[in-house]
Amino acid sequence: MSAFTRKFYVSDTHFGHEAILGFCNRPFSSVKEMDEFMVDRWNSVVRDTDIVYHLGDFSFGCPERAVAIHRRLKGRKYLILGNHDLRRGDSVLPHILRMEWERPPVLTASTSDGGNRLFLSHYGHRTWPGQNRGSYHFYGHSHASIPHLGLSRDVGVDCADVAFTPRTFHELTAALPGLTSAVTAA
């Protein structure tokens, strides 16, 4: 990874999901407007060489539309599988597998960012690997309905500070309570 490569995190884009507009009170008049806004926001911050961890529920609905949107998004994309990325029986949807991910999609992943360890999952966990050693936990699924807890937080597009845009580790951890001393010590 280049010294200039940045990492971003985001979840629950639900590209193509008409009903999500009402379910989550998203401020768009149509799913097309929502999708185009999120593509523009994504590409406004992510460069082609950057890494983006998408923590699940990439799309819902038309597979061809989802694949076309995926091709338009900048960055080297990794998918942590969400419930809408899977069929019943937990096999990955075929169109999700056709997308050009850096690696095959997985249920959970671990990475580091600026010397900080992270556990990534679509679902919020009460405990996670490395939690007692200062590891952070980013998740989605809850659409901003679960408050941040300790070093864990929702990174879904519906969170006010995410605002439909992939965010960096420092942007996301700035909102965690009591974090100033933990980041400084890391």
N, C-alpha and C. Protein backbone atom coordinates (compact mmCIF):
# COMPACT_ATOMS: atom_id res chain seq x y z
N MET A 1 0.85 -1.17 0.00
CA MET A 1 0.00 0.00 0.00
C MET A 1 0.90 1.24 0.00
N SER A 2 0.63 2.15 -0.89
CA SER A 2 1.39 3.40 -1.00
C SER A 2 1.19 4.27 0.24
N ALA A 3 2.18 5.08 0.54
CA ALA A 3 2.08 6.01 1.68
C ALA A 3 0.95 7.00 1.48
N PHE A 4 0.52 7.20 0.24
CA PHE A 4 -0.53 8.16 -0.04
C PHE A 4 -1.89 7.50 -0.18
N THR A 5 -1.98 6.20 -0.03
CA THR A 5 -3.26 5.51 -0.10
C THR A 5 -4.04 5.79 1.17
N ARG A 6 -5.27 6.20 1.00
CA ARG A 6 -6.14 6.45 2.15
C ARG A 6 -7.17 5.33 2.23
N LYS A 7 -7.69 5.13 3.45
CA LYS A 7 -8.75 4.16 3.66
C LYS A 7 -10.03 4.90 4.04
N PHE A 8 -11.14 4.40 3.50
CA PHE A 8 -12.46 4.93 3.79
C PHE A 8 -13.38 3.80 4.21
N TYR A 9 -14.45 4.17 4.93
CA TYR A 9 -15.41 3.21 5.45
C TYR A 9 -16.81 3.76 5.22
N VAL A 10 -17.73 2.87 4.87
CA VAL A 10 -19.12 3.26 4.64
C VAL A 10 -19.98 2.00 4.69
N SER A 11 -21.25 2.18 4.93
CA SER A 11 -22.16 1.03 4.96
C SER A 11 -23.55 1.47 4.53
N ASP A 12 -24.33 0.48 4.15
CA ASP A 12 -25.78 0.64 3.93
C ASP A 12 -26.15 1.66 2.87
N THR A 13 -25.43 1.66 1.75
CA THR A 13 -25.81 2.55 0.66
C THR A 13 -27.16 2.16 0.07
N HIS A 14 -27.45 0.88 0.01
CA HIS A 14 -28.73 0.40 -0.54
C HIS A 14 -29.01 1.02 -1.91
N PHE A 15 -27.99 1.04 -2.78
CA PHE A 15 -28.22 1.56 -4.12
C PHE A 15 -29.42 0.84 -4.75
N GLY A 16 -30.31 1.60 -5.37
CA GLY A 16 -31.46 1.03 -6.06
C GLY A 16 -32.64 0.66 -5.19
N HIS A 17 -32.58 0.91 -3.90
CA HIS A 17 -33.62 0.47 -2.96
C HIS A 17 -34.65 1.59 -2.73
N GLU A 18 -35.72 1.53 -3.47
CA GLU A 18 -36.77 2.56 -3.40
C GLU A 18 -37.34 2.70 -2.00
N ALA A 19 -37.64 1.60 -1.34
CA ALA A 19 -38.30 1.66 -0.03
C ALA A 19 -37.42 2.25 1.07
N ILE A 20 -36.09 2.23 0.89
CA ILE A 20 -35.20 2.76 1.93
C ILE A 20 -35.42 4.26 2.11
N LEU A 21 -35.91 4.93 1.07
CA LEU A 21 -36.18 6.37 1.18
C LEU A 21 -37.13 6.64 2.33
N GLY A 22 -38.20 5.86 2.44
CA GLY A 22 -39.17 6.02 3.51
C GLY A 22 -38.74 5.37 4.81
N PHE A 23 -38.15 4.18 4.72
CA PHE A 23 -37.73 3.47 5.93
C PHE A 23 -36.76 4.31 6.76
N CYS A 24 -35.86 5.00 6.11
CA CYS A 24 -34.80 5.75 6.81
C CYS A 24 -34.95 7.26 6.68
N ASN A 25 -36.08 7.71 6.15
CA ASN A 25 -36.31 9.14 5.96
C ASN A 25 -35.17 9.82 5.20
N ARG A 26 -34.72 9.17 4.15
CA ARG A 26 -33.64 9.76 3.35
C ARG A 26 -34.21 10.94 2.56
N PRO A 27 -33.45 12.03 2.49
CA PRO A 27 -33.96 13.28 1.92
C PRO A 27 -33.89 13.38 0.40
N PHE A 28 -34.40 12.38 -0.29
CA PHE A 28 -34.35 12.37 -1.74
C PHE A 28 -35.75 12.15 -2.30
N SER A 29 -36.01 12.71 -3.46
CA SER A 29 -37.34 12.57 -4.07
C SER A 29 -37.48 11.27 -4.86
N SER A 30 -36.35 10.63 -5.17
CA SER A 30 -36.40 9.37 -5.91
C SER A 30 -35.15 8.55 -5.62
N VAL A 31 -35.21 7.28 -5.94
CA VAL A 31 -34.05 6.42 -5.74
C VAL A 31 -32.94 6.80 -6.71
N LYS A 32 -33.30 7.26 -7.90
CA LYS A 32 -32.28 7.71 -8.86
C LYS A 32 -31.53 8.92 -8.29
N GLU A 33 -32.25 9.87 -7.70
CA GLU A 33 -31.59 11.03 -7.09
C GLU A 33 -30.66 10.59 -5.96
N MET A 34 -31.13 9.66 -5.13
CA MET A 34 -30.31 9.15 -4.03
C MET A 34 -29.04 8.49 -4.57
N ASP A 35 -29.20 7.60 -5.53
CA ASP A 35 -28.05 6.89 -6.09
C ASP A 35 -27.03 7.85 -6.68
N GLU A 36 -27.48 8.81 -7.46
CA GLU A 36 -26.57 9.77 -8.10
C GLU A 36 -25.87 10.64 -7.06
N PHE A 37 -26.59 11.04 -6.01
CA PHE A 37 -25.99 11.83 -4.95
C PHE A 37 -24.87 11.04 -4.27
N MET A 38 -25.15 9.77 -3.95
CA MET A 38 -24.13 8.96 -3.27
C MET A 38 -22.94 8.66 -4.17
N VAL A 39 -23.16 8.43 -5.46
CA VAL A 39 -22.05 8.23 -6.38
C VAL A 39 -21.19 9.50 -6.43
N ASP A 40 -21.83 10.65 -6.53
CA ASP A 40 -21.09 11.92 -6.56
C ASP A 40 -20.31 12.15 -5.28
N ARG A 41 -20.92 11.90 -4.13
CA ARG A 41 -20.25 12.10 -2.83
C ARG A 41 -19.06 11.15 -2.71
N TRP A 42 -19.27 9.87 -3.07
CA TRP A 42 -18.20 8.87 -3.03
C TRP A 42 -17.01 9.34 -3.86
N ASN A 43 -17.29 9.67 -5.12
CA ASN A 43 -16.22 10.04 -6.04
C ASN A 43 -15.60 11.41 -5.73
N SER A 44 -16.26 12.20 -4.91
CA SER A 44 -15.69 13.50 -4.54
C SER A 44 -14.59 13.36 -3.49
N VAL A 45 -14.55 12.24 -2.76
CA VAL A 45 -13.54 12.07 -1.72
C VAL A 45 -12.58 10.92 -1.99
N VAL A 46 -13.00 9.92 -2.73
CA VAL A 46 -12.19 8.72 -2.97
C VAL A 46 -11.44 8.85 -4.29
N ARG A 47 -10.13 8.55 -4.25
CA ARG A 47 -9.31 8.50 -5.46
C ARG A 47 -9.24 7.04 -5.93
N ASP A 48 -8.82 6.84 -7.15
CA ASP A 48 -8.75 5.49 -7.72
C ASP A 48 -7.86 4.56 -6.90
N THR A 49 -6.80 5.09 -6.28
CA THR A 49 -5.86 4.25 -5.53
C THR A 49 -6.27 4.04 -4.07
N ASP A 50 -7.29 4.75 -3.60
CA ASP A 50 -7.74 4.61 -2.21
C ASP A 50 -8.47 3.30 -1.99
N ILE A 51 -8.54 2.90 -0.74
CA ILE A 51 -9.26 1.69 -0.34
C ILE A 51 -10.58 2.11 0.31
N VAL A 52 -11.66 1.42 -0.07
CA VAL A 52 -12.96 1.65 0.55
C VAL A 52 -13.48 0.32 1.07
N TYR A 53 -13.73 0.29 2.37
CA TYR A 53 -14.39 -0.86 2.98
C TYR A 53 -15.87 -0.55 3.05
N HIS A 54 -16.67 -1.32 2.32
CA HIS A 54 -18.12 -1.17 2.35
C HIS A 54 -18.64 -2.25 3.30
N LEU A 55 -19.29 -1.83 4.38
CA LEU A 55 -19.69 -2.76 5.43
C LEU A 55 -21.11 -3.29 5.24
N GLY A 56 -21.46 -3.58 4.02
CA GLY A 56 -22.67 -4.33 3.73
C GLY A 56 -23.87 -3.53 3.28
N ASP A 57 -24.78 -4.28 2.64
CA ASP A 57 -25.98 -3.75 2.02
C ASP A 57 -25.63 -2.72 0.96
N PHE A 58 -24.82 -3.17 0.02
CA PHE A 58 -24.40 -2.31 -1.08
C PHE A 58 -25.60 -1.87 -1.91
N SER A 59 -26.47 -2.81 -2.24
CA SER A 59 -27.59 -2.49 -3.13
C SER A 59 -28.81 -3.33 -2.77
N PHE A 60 -29.90 -3.00 -3.42
CA PHE A 60 -31.13 -3.77 -3.26
C PHE A 60 -31.96 -3.52 -4.51
N GLY A 61 -32.38 -4.58 -5.16
CA GLY A 61 -33.19 -4.39 -6.36
C GLY A 61 -32.47 -4.84 -7.61
N CYS A 62 -32.49 -4.02 -8.63
CA CYS A 62 -32.01 -4.35 -9.97
C CYS A 62 -30.51 -4.67 -9.98
N PRO A 63 -30.15 -5.94 -10.23
CA PRO A 63 -28.73 -6.32 -10.23
C PRO A 63 -27.91 -5.58 -11.28
N GLU A 64 -28.45 -5.37 -12.48
CA GLU A 64 -27.70 -4.69 -13.53
C GLU A 64 -27.37 -3.25 -13.12
N ARG A 65 -28.32 -2.58 -12.50
CA ARG A 65 -28.10 -1.21 -12.04
C ARG A 65 -27.00 -1.17 -10.98
N ALA A 66 -27.04 -2.13 -10.05
CA ALA A 66 -26.04 -2.19 -8.98
C ALA A 66 -24.64 -2.41 -9.55
N VAL A 67 -24.52 -3.30 -10.52
CA VAL A 67 -23.22 -3.56 -11.14
C VAL A 67 -22.73 -2.31 -11.86
N ALA A 68 -23.61 -1.62 -12.56
CA ALA A 68 -23.23 -0.39 -13.28
C ALA A 68 -22.78 0.70 -12.30
N ILE A 69 -23.46 0.84 -11.18
CA ILE A 69 -23.07 1.83 -10.17
C ILE A 69 -21.71 1.46 -9.60
N HIS A 70 -21.52 0.19 -9.27
CA HIS A 70 -20.24 -0.26 -8.71
C HIS A 70 -19.08 0.13 -9.63
N ARG A 71 -19.26 -0.04 -10.93
CA ARG A 71 -18.20 0.29 -11.90
C ARG A 71 -17.86 1.79 -11.89
N ARG A 72 -18.83 2.62 -11.56
CA ARG A 72 -18.62 4.08 -11.56
C ARG A 72 -17.91 4.58 -10.31
N LEU A 73 -17.86 3.78 -9.26
CA LEU A 73 -17.29 4.22 -7.99
C LEU A 73 -15.77 4.08 -7.98
N LYS A 74 -15.11 5.14 -7.58
CA LYS A 74 -13.65 5.12 -7.49
C LYS A 74 -13.18 4.26 -6.32
N GLY A 75 -11.91 3.89 -6.38
CA GLY A 75 -11.29 3.19 -5.27
C GLY A 75 -11.19 1.70 -5.46
N ARG A 76 -10.40 1.13 -4.58
CA ARG A 76 -10.24 -0.32 -4.49
C ARG A 76 -11.21 -0.78 -3.42
N LYS A 77 -12.27 -1.46 -3.84
CA LYS A 77 -13.41 -1.73 -2.97
C LYS A 77 -13.38 -3.14 -2.37
N TYR A 78 -13.64 -3.17 -1.05
CA TYR A 78 -13.76 -4.43 -0.31
C TYR A 78 -15.17 -4.46 0.26
N LEU A 79 -15.81 -5.63 0.21
CA LEU A 79 -17.17 -5.76 0.75
C LEU A 79 -17.19 -6.69 1.95
N ILE A 80 -17.72 -6.17 3.04
CA ILE A 80 -18.08 -6.97 4.21
C ILE A 80 -19.58 -7.23 4.02
N LEU A 81 -19.96 -8.47 3.89
CA LEU A 81 -21.33 -8.81 3.49
C LEU A 81 -22.38 -8.37 4.52
N GLY A 82 -23.46 -7.80 4.00
CA GLY A 82 -24.63 -7.47 4.80
C GLY A 82 -25.79 -8.37 4.43
N ASN A 83 -26.87 -8.27 5.16
CA ASN A 83 -28.01 -9.15 4.92
C ASN A 83 -28.59 -8.99 3.51
N HIS A 84 -28.54 -7.80 2.93
CA HIS A 84 -29.09 -7.59 1.58
C HIS A 84 -28.11 -7.98 0.48
N ASP A 85 -26.93 -8.42 0.84
CA ASP A 85 -25.95 -8.92 -0.14
C ASP A 85 -26.04 -10.44 -0.27
N LEU A 86 -26.92 -11.04 0.50
CA LEU A 86 -27.05 -12.50 0.57
C LEU A 86 -28.45 -12.96 0.16
N ARG A 87 -28.49 -14.18 -0.36
CA ARG A 87 -29.78 -14.85 -0.60
C ARG A 87 -30.21 -15.52 0.68
N ARG A 88 -31.43 -15.97 0.68
CA ARG A 88 -31.84 -16.84 1.80
C ARG A 88 -30.92 -18.06 1.76
N GLY A 89 -30.50 -18.52 2.91
CA GLY A 89 -29.55 -19.62 2.96
C GLY A 89 -28.11 -19.12 3.00
N ASP A 90 -27.95 -17.81 3.01
CA ASP A 90 -26.65 -17.16 3.20
C ASP A 90 -25.64 -17.33 2.08
N SER A 91 -26.08 -17.63 0.85
CA SER A 91 -25.13 -17.59 -0.26
C SER A 91 -25.14 -16.17 -0.83
N VAL A 92 -24.00 -15.75 -1.34
CA VAL A 92 -23.85 -14.39 -1.85
C VAL A 92 -24.64 -14.26 -3.16
N LEU A 93 -25.33 -13.13 -3.30
CA LEU A 93 -26.08 -12.88 -4.53
C LEU A 93 -25.13 -12.90 -5.73
N PRO A 94 -25.53 -13.52 -6.83
CA PRO A 94 -24.63 -13.65 -7.99
C PRO A 94 -24.12 -12.31 -8.52
N HIS A 95 -24.95 -11.28 -8.56
CA HIS A 95 -24.48 -10.00 -9.11
C HIS A 95 -23.45 -9.34 -8.18
N ILE A 96 -23.54 -9.60 -6.89
CA ILE A 96 -22.53 -9.08 -5.95
C ILE A 96 -21.18 -9.73 -6.25
N LEU A 97 -21.20 -11.02 -6.55
CA LEU A 97 -19.96 -11.74 -6.87
C LEU A 97 -19.37 -11.29 -8.21
N ARG A 98 -20.21 -10.80 -9.13
CA ARG A 98 -19.72 -10.33 -10.44
C ARG A 98 -19.01 -8.99 -10.34
N MET A 99 -19.23 -8.26 -9.27
CA MET A 99 -18.60 -6.95 -9.12
C MET A 99 -17.11 -7.13 -8.86
N GLU A 100 -16.33 -6.14 -9.27
CA GLU A 100 -14.88 -6.23 -9.16
C GLU A 100 -14.42 -5.73 -7.79
N TRP A 101 -14.52 -6.61 -6.80
CA TRP A 101 -14.01 -6.32 -5.46
C TRP A 101 -12.53 -6.67 -5.43
N GLU A 102 -11.78 -6.02 -4.57
CA GLU A 102 -10.35 -6.33 -4.44
C GLU A 102 -10.12 -7.77 -4.01
N ARG A 103 -10.99 -8.27 -3.17
CA ARG A 103 -10.96 -9.66 -2.71
C ARG A 103 -12.41 -10.14 -2.66
N PRO A 104 -12.63 -11.43 -2.65
CA PRO A 104 -14.00 -11.91 -2.52
C PRO A 104 -14.65 -11.37 -1.23
N PRO A 105 -15.93 -11.02 -1.28
CA PRO A 105 -16.62 -10.51 -0.09
C PRO A 105 -16.57 -11.51 1.06
N VAL A 106 -16.51 -10.97 2.29
CA VAL A 106 -16.42 -11.78 3.51
C VAL A 106 -17.44 -11.28 4.53
N LEU A 107 -17.68 -12.09 5.56
CA LEU A 107 -18.62 -11.71 6.62
C LEU A 107 -18.03 -10.73 7.62
N THR A 108 -16.75 -10.85 7.92
CA THR A 108 -16.06 -9.92 8.81
C THR A 108 -14.63 -9.75 8.30
N ALA A 109 -13.99 -8.69 8.76
CA ALA A 109 -12.59 -8.48 8.39
C ALA A 109 -11.91 -7.69 9.49
N SER A 110 -10.60 -7.79 9.51
CA SER A 110 -9.78 -6.97 10.39
C SER A 110 -8.78 -6.22 9.52
N THR A 111 -8.47 -5.01 9.92
CA THR A 111 -7.48 -4.21 9.22
C THR A 111 -6.84 -3.29 10.23
N SER A 112 -5.88 -2.51 9.78
CA SER A 112 -5.30 -1.47 10.63
C SER A 112 -5.35 -0.18 9.83
N ASP A 113 -5.39 0.92 10.55
CA ASP A 113 -5.45 2.22 9.92
C ASP A 113 -4.70 3.20 10.81
N GLY A 114 -3.59 3.72 10.33
CA GLY A 114 -2.80 4.66 11.11
C GLY A 114 -2.33 4.09 12.44
N GLY A 115 -2.02 2.79 12.46
CA GLY A 115 -1.57 2.15 13.68
C GLY A 115 -2.69 1.68 14.59
N ASN A 116 -3.92 1.88 14.18
CA ASN A 116 -5.08 1.45 14.97
C ASN A 116 -5.68 0.19 14.36
N ARG A 117 -6.01 -0.77 15.22
CA ARG A 117 -6.65 -2.01 14.76
C ARG A 117 -8.15 -1.81 14.66
N LEU A 118 -8.75 -2.40 13.60
CA LEU A 118 -10.19 -2.30 13.41
C LEU A 118 -10.78 -3.67 13.11
N PHE A 119 -11.95 -3.92 13.67
CA PHE A 119 -12.75 -5.10 13.34
C PHE A 119 -13.96 -4.58 12.58
N LEU A 120 -14.21 -5.13 11.39
CA LEU A 120 -15.27 -4.66 10.51
C LEU A 120 -16.33 -5.74 10.35
N SER A 121 -17.58 -5.34 10.51
CA SER A 121 -18.70 -6.26 10.36
C SER A 121 -19.93 -5.46 9.94
N HIS A 122 -20.86 -6.11 9.28
CA HIS A 122 -22.12 -5.42 8.96
C HIS A 122 -22.91 -5.16 10.24
N TYR A 123 -22.75 -6.04 11.21
CA TYR A 123 -23.55 -5.97 12.44
C TYR A 123 -22.73 -5.43 13.61
N GLY A 124 -23.39 -4.66 14.46
CA GLY A 124 -22.75 -4.15 15.66
C GLY A 124 -22.57 -5.27 16.67
N HIS A 125 -21.39 -5.39 17.21
CA HIS A 125 -21.09 -6.41 18.20
C HIS A 125 -20.89 -5.76 19.56
N ARG A 126 -21.32 -6.43 20.61
CA ARG A 126 -21.06 -5.92 21.96
C ARG A 126 -19.61 -6.15 22.35
N THR A 127 -19.04 -7.22 21.85
CA THR A 127 -17.60 -7.49 22.02
C THR A 127 -17.05 -7.86 20.65
N TRP A 128 -15.74 -7.66 20.46
CA TRP A 128 -15.12 -7.96 19.17
C TRP A 128 -13.65 -8.27 19.41
N PRO A 129 -13.00 -8.92 18.44
CA PRO A 129 -11.60 -9.27 18.60
C PRO A 129 -10.73 -8.04 18.89
N GLY A 130 -9.90 -8.13 19.90
CA GLY A 130 -8.98 -7.07 20.26
C GLY A 130 -9.60 -5.92 21.04
N GLN A 131 -10.85 -6.04 21.40
CA GLN A 131 -11.54 -4.96 22.11
C GLN A 131 -10.80 -4.53 23.37
N ASN A 132 -10.31 -5.49 24.13
CA ASN A 132 -9.61 -5.17 25.38
C ASN A 132 -8.20 -4.64 25.15
N ARG A 133 -7.76 -4.63 23.88
CA ARG A 133 -6.43 -4.10 23.55
C ARG A 133 -6.53 -2.87 22.66
N GLY A 134 -7.66 -2.18 22.72
CA GLY A 134 -7.82 -0.92 22.00
C GLY A 134 -8.26 -1.01 20.56
N SER A 135 -8.74 -2.19 20.14
CA SER A 135 -9.23 -2.33 18.77
C SER A 135 -10.58 -1.62 18.62
N TYR A 136 -10.75 -0.97 17.48
CA TYR A 136 -12.01 -0.30 17.15
C TYR A 136 -12.92 -1.27 16.41
N HIS A 137 -14.22 -0.95 16.40
CA HIS A 137 -15.20 -1.76 15.69
C HIS A 137 -16.11 -0.84 14.89
N PHE A 138 -16.09 -1.00 13.56
CA PHE A 138 -17.00 -0.27 12.68
C PHE A 138 -18.04 -1.26 12.16
N TYR A 139 -19.29 -0.81 12.08
CA TYR A 139 -20.39 -1.65 11.63
C TYR A 139 -21.43 -0.80 10.92
N GLY A 140 -22.44 -1.47 10.38
CA GLY A 140 -23.56 -0.80 9.72
C GLY A 140 -24.86 -1.37 10.25
N HIS A 141 -25.78 -1.65 9.34
CA HIS A 141 -27.05 -2.33 9.58
C HIS A 141 -28.08 -1.53 10.38
N SER A 142 -27.67 -0.77 11.35
CA SER A 142 -28.63 -0.15 12.27
C SER A 142 -29.18 1.18 11.77
N HIS A 143 -28.66 1.71 10.67
CA HIS A 143 -29.16 2.97 10.09
C HIS A 143 -29.26 4.07 11.13
N ALA A 144 -28.18 4.25 11.88
CA ALA A 144 -28.04 5.33 12.87
C ALA A 144 -28.99 5.20 14.07
N SER A 145 -29.49 4.00 14.33
CA SER A 145 -30.41 3.83 15.45
C SER A 145 -29.73 3.33 16.72
N ILE A 146 -28.46 2.95 16.63
CA ILE A 146 -27.73 2.47 17.81
C ILE A 146 -26.64 3.49 18.13
N PRO A 147 -26.62 4.02 19.33
CA PRO A 147 -25.57 5.00 19.66
C PRO A 147 -24.19 4.36 19.70
N HIS A 148 -23.17 5.17 19.43
CA HIS A 148 -21.79 4.69 19.52
C HIS A 148 -21.54 4.19 20.93
N LEU A 149 -20.72 3.13 21.05
CA LEU A 149 -20.41 2.56 22.35
C LEU A 149 -18.92 2.29 22.42
N GLY A 150 -18.25 2.93 23.35
CA GLY A 150 -16.81 2.73 23.49
C GLY A 150 -16.09 3.04 22.20
N LEU A 151 -15.34 2.08 21.69
CA LEU A 151 -14.60 2.28 20.45
C LEU A 151 -15.33 1.65 19.25
N SER A 152 -16.65 1.54 19.34
CA SER A 152 -17.42 1.00 18.22
C SER A 152 -18.43 2.03 17.75
N ARG A 153 -18.73 1.96 16.44
CA ARG A 153 -19.69 2.91 15.90
C ARG A 153 -20.24 2.45 14.56
N ASP A 154 -21.43 2.95 14.26
CA ASP A 154 -22.10 2.75 12.99
C ASP A 154 -21.44 3.67 11.96
N VAL A 155 -21.12 3.13 10.78
CA VAL A 155 -20.54 3.93 9.70
C VAL A 155 -21.47 4.00 8.50
N GLY A 156 -22.76 3.75 8.74
CA GLY A 156 -23.74 3.78 7.66
C GLY A 156 -24.01 5.18 7.14
N VAL A 157 -24.46 5.25 5.90
CA VAL A 157 -24.69 6.54 5.25
C VAL A 157 -25.77 7.36 5.95
N ASP A 158 -26.61 6.74 6.75
CA ASP A 158 -27.69 7.46 7.44
C ASP A 158 -27.21 8.18 8.70
N CYS A 159 -25.99 7.95 9.13
CA CYS A 159 -25.44 8.67 10.29
C CYS A 159 -25.17 10.12 9.86
N ALA A 160 -25.51 11.05 10.73
CA ALA A 160 -25.38 12.47 10.39
C ALA A 160 -23.96 12.85 9.98
N ASP A 161 -22.95 12.31 10.67
CA ASP A 161 -21.58 12.69 10.35
C ASP A 161 -20.99 11.90 9.17
N VAL A 162 -21.69 10.89 8.71
CA VAL A 162 -21.27 10.18 7.50
C VAL A 162 -21.89 10.88 6.29
N ALA A 163 -23.16 11.23 6.40
CA ALA A 163 -23.82 12.06 5.39
C ALA A 163 -23.67 11.52 3.96
N PHE A 164 -23.92 10.21 3.79
CA PHE A 164 -23.93 9.59 2.47
C PHE A 164 -22.58 9.61 1.77
N THR A 165 -21.48 9.67 2.56
CA THR A 165 -20.14 9.82 2.01
C THR A 165 -19.18 8.88 2.72
N PRO A 166 -18.36 8.12 1.99
CA PRO A 166 -17.33 7.34 2.67
C PRO A 166 -16.46 8.26 3.52
N ARG A 167 -16.10 7.79 4.73
CA ARG A 167 -15.33 8.61 5.67
C ARG A 167 -14.06 7.90 6.10
N THR A 168 -13.07 8.68 6.52
CA THR A 168 -11.81 8.13 7.00
C THR A 168 -11.93 7.72 8.47
N PHE A 169 -10.92 6.98 8.92
CA PHE A 169 -10.86 6.57 10.32
C PHE A 169 -10.94 7.79 11.24
N HIS A 170 -10.15 8.81 10.97
CA HIS A 170 -10.12 9.98 11.85
C HIS A 170 -11.45 10.74 11.84
N GLU A 171 -12.09 10.82 10.69
CA GLU A 171 -13.41 11.46 10.64
C GLU A 171 -14.41 10.67 11.48
N LEU A 172 -14.36 9.37 11.39
CA LEU A 172 -15.33 8.53 12.09
C LEU A 172 -15.06 8.44 13.59
N THR A 173 -13.82 8.45 13.98
CA THR A 173 -13.52 8.29 15.40
C THR A 173 -13.61 9.62 16.16
N ALA A 174 -13.63 10.73 15.47
CA ALA A 174 -13.75 12.03 16.14
C ALA A 174 -15.03 12.12 16.97
N ALA A 175 -16.06 11.37 16.60
CA ALA A 175 -17.34 11.41 17.29
C ALA A 175 -17.43 10.43 18.47
N LEU A 176 -16.41 9.62 18.66
CA LEU A 176 -16.47 8.64 19.74
C LEU A 176 -16.14 9.31 21.08
N PRO A 177 -16.96 9.07 22.09
CA PRO A 177 -16.72 9.72 23.40
C PRO A 177 -15.41 9.27 24.02
N GLY A 178 -14.70 10.23 24.61
CA GLY A 178 -13.47 9.90 25.33
C GLY A 178 -12.35 9.43 24.46
N LEU A 179 -12.42 9.73 23.17
CA LEU A 179 -11.45 9.16 22.24
C LEU A 179 -10.14 9.95 22.18
N THR A 180 -10.14 11.19 22.50
CA THR A 180 -8.95 12.03 22.33
C THR A 180 -7.72 11.38 22.95
N SER A 181 -7.84 10.90 24.17
CA SER A 181 -6.67 10.31 24.83
C SER A 181 -6.31 8.96 24.19
N ALA A 182 -7.30 8.20 23.71
CA ALA A 182 -7.02 6.91 23.11
C ALA A 182 -6.28 7.08 21.77
N VAL A 183 -6.69 8.04 20.95
CA VAL A 183 -6.04 8.26 19.66
C VAL A 183 -4.64 8.78 19.88
N THR A 184 -4.46 9.71 20.82
CA THR A 184 -3.15 10.27 21.11
C THR A 184 -2.19 9.20 21.58
N ALA A 185 -2.68 8.26 22.38
CA ALA A 185 -1.83 7.21 22.92
C ALA A 185 -1.44 6.18 21.88
N ALA A 186 -2.24 6.04 20.81
CA ALA A 186 -2.01 5.00 19.80
C ALA A 186 -0.86 5.26 18.92
